[in-house]
Amino acid sequence: MQKGAALIGSARKAQFATAIEYARGGQTVALKATVGRSVFELVDRYGFPVRSETRDYLFLAAELVLGGQLTTPQDGDVIREAGDGAVYVHEVMAPGDEPNWRFSDAGRSLLRVHTKQTDVE
């Protein structure tokens, strides 16, 4: 099962991944990530349902190394993605009390990081 997942993961990265820069403070790492989305159904403080959508980046957990240390995503980290002649800046965050990332595979090797676009450079 793990060999099959690894094969699918390498095909995903080769065929569908885009180049991104992951940054925390002054530390950065270049990664290849697959872009996705997540939809969250939340309830606001008045009890009304609210739908929120995030732009997700999926990449190997082993590749998130900042300052020589393997790490996990944190609120406030930034992902930059070039496209259409601009660089889109996304901040790591998730709506409500949701975690800002989760594993996206049974082997716990693929991260799904939730973000919101905050700027265009």
Protein backbone atom coordinates (compact mmCIF):
# COMPACT_ATOMS: atom_id res chain seq x y z
CA MET A 1 0.00 0.00 0.00
CA GLN A 2 2.81 2.43 0.89
CA LYS A 3 4.63 1.64 -2.37
CA GLY A 4 1.49 2.40 -4.33
CA ALA A 5 0.99 5.67 -2.46
CA ALA A 6 4.61 6.63 -3.13
CA LEU A 7 4.14 5.92 -6.84
CA ILE A 8 0.99 8.02 -6.98
CA GLY A 9 2.73 10.78 -5.03
CA SER A 10 5.67 10.94 -7.42
CA ALA A 11 3.29 11.03 -10.41
CA ARG A 12 1.28 13.82 -8.74
CA LYS A 13 4.43 15.84 -8.18
CA ALA A 14 5.76 15.28 -11.72
CA GLN A 15 2.51 15.95 -13.57
CA PHE A 16 0.42 18.35 -11.51
CA ALA A 17 2.68 20.20 -9.07
CA THR A 18 3.58 23.86 -9.28
CA ALA A 19 6.64 25.63 -7.87
CA ILE A 20 6.06 27.53 -4.63
CA GLU A 21 8.17 29.27 -2.02
CA TYR A 22 7.34 28.49 1.60
CA ALA A 23 8.52 31.15 4.07
CA ARG A 24 8.65 31.71 7.80
CA GLY A 25 10.33 34.91 8.86
CA GLY A 26 13.54 35.15 6.84
CA GLN A 27 13.74 31.42 6.14
CA THR A 28 12.46 29.99 2.86
CA VAL A 29 12.35 26.70 1.00
CA ALA A 30 11.42 26.03 -2.62
CA LEU A 31 8.86 23.22 -2.99
CA LYS A 32 6.70 21.57 -5.63
CA ALA A 33 3.09 21.46 -4.46
CA THR A 34 -0.26 20.40 -5.84
CA VAL A 35 -2.95 23.05 -5.48
CA GLY A 36 -6.34 22.13 -4.06
CA ARG A 37 -9.13 23.57 -1.96
CA SER A 38 -11.14 22.76 1.12
CA VAL A 39 -14.64 23.91 1.98
CA PHE A 40 -15.58 24.37 5.63
CA GLU A 41 -19.10 24.69 7.00
CA LEU A 42 -18.95 26.72 10.21
CA VAL A 43 -21.40 28.41 12.53
CA ASP A 44 -20.80 32.09 13.38
CA ARG A 45 -21.20 33.56 16.85
CA TYR A 46 -24.90 34.24 16.17
CA GLY A 47 -25.59 30.65 15.21
CA PHE A 48 -25.77 31.23 11.46
CA PRO A 49 -24.06 28.83 9.06
CA VAL A 50 -21.04 30.23 7.23
CA ARG A 51 -19.25 28.61 4.31
CA SER A 52 -15.51 29.24 4.04
CA GLU A 53 -13.10 28.05 1.35
CA THR A 54 -9.31 27.78 1.54
CA ARG A 55 -6.65 27.37 -1.13
CA ASP A 56 -4.66 24.30 -0.17
CA TYR A 57 -1.12 23.28 -1.02
CA LEU A 58 -0.19 19.60 -0.87
CA PHE A 59 3.48 18.62 -0.58
CA LEU A 60 5.68 16.08 1.13
CA ALA A 61 6.11 16.64 4.86
CA ALA A 62 9.78 15.62 4.61
CA GLU A 63 10.47 18.59 2.30
CA LEU A 64 9.33 21.30 4.75
CA VAL A 65 12.77 22.07 6.16
CA LEU A 66 13.45 25.61 7.41
CA GLY A 67 16.79 26.62 8.92
CA GLY A 68 17.97 23.03 8.65
CA GLN A 69 15.07 21.76 10.80
CA LEU A 70 12.12 19.64 9.73
CA THR A 71 8.99 21.53 10.74
CA THR A 72 5.22 21.65 10.34
CA PRO A 73 3.15 24.60 9.07
CA GLN A 74 2.33 27.42 11.47
CA ASP A 75 -0.21 30.24 11.36
CA GLY A 76 1.41 33.25 9.70
CA ASP A 77 3.75 31.26 7.44
CA VAL A 78 3.59 32.45 3.83
CA ILE A 79 3.39 30.62 0.52
CA ARG A 80 4.26 32.48 -2.68
CA GLU A 81 3.05 31.14 -6.02
CA ALA A 82 3.91 32.76 -9.35
CA GLY A 83 1.32 32.88 -12.10
CA ASP A 84 -0.14 35.17 -14.74
CA GLY A 85 2.79 37.61 -14.43
CA ALA A 86 2.31 38.11 -10.69
CA VAL A 87 3.25 36.46 -7.42
CA TYR A 88 0.28 35.48 -5.27
CA VAL A 89 0.87 35.54 -1.54
CA HIS A 90 -1.09 33.13 0.66
CA GLU A 91 -0.92 33.06 4.44
CA VAL A 92 -1.22 29.77 6.30
CA MET A 93 -4.53 29.86 8.18
CA ALA A 94 -7.76 27.97 8.49
CA PRO A 95 -11.23 29.21 9.40
CA GLY A 96 -12.64 28.99 12.90
CA ASP A 97 -11.04 26.41 15.16
CA GLU A 98 -9.92 24.21 12.27
CA PRO A 99 -6.25 23.21 12.18
CA ASN A 100 -4.14 25.01 9.54
CA TRP A 101 -2.84 21.72 8.11
CA ARG A 102 -3.47 18.01 8.16
CA PHE A 103 -1.98 14.86 6.72
CA SER A 104 -3.58 13.97 3.42
CA ASP A 105 -2.58 10.32 3.23
CA ALA A 106 -2.64 7.22 5.40
CA GLY A 107 1.16 7.10 5.57
CA ARG A 108 1.31 10.62 7.06
CA SER A 109 3.81 11.76 4.44
CA LEU A 110 1.72 14.31 2.50
CA LEU A 111 0.71 17.62 4.09
CA ARG A 112 -2.42 19.58 3.10
CA VAL A 113 -1.85 23.20 4.15
CA HIS A 114 -4.86 25.56 4.30
CA THR A 115 -4.26 29.18 3.21
CA LYS A 116 -5.96 32.44 2.29
CA GLN A 117 -4.65 34.86 -0.30
CA THR A 118 -3.44 38.05 1.39
CA ASP A 119 -1.53 39.91 -1.33
CA VAL A 120 -0.36 40.07 -4.95
CA GLU A 121 3.19 41.18 -5.65
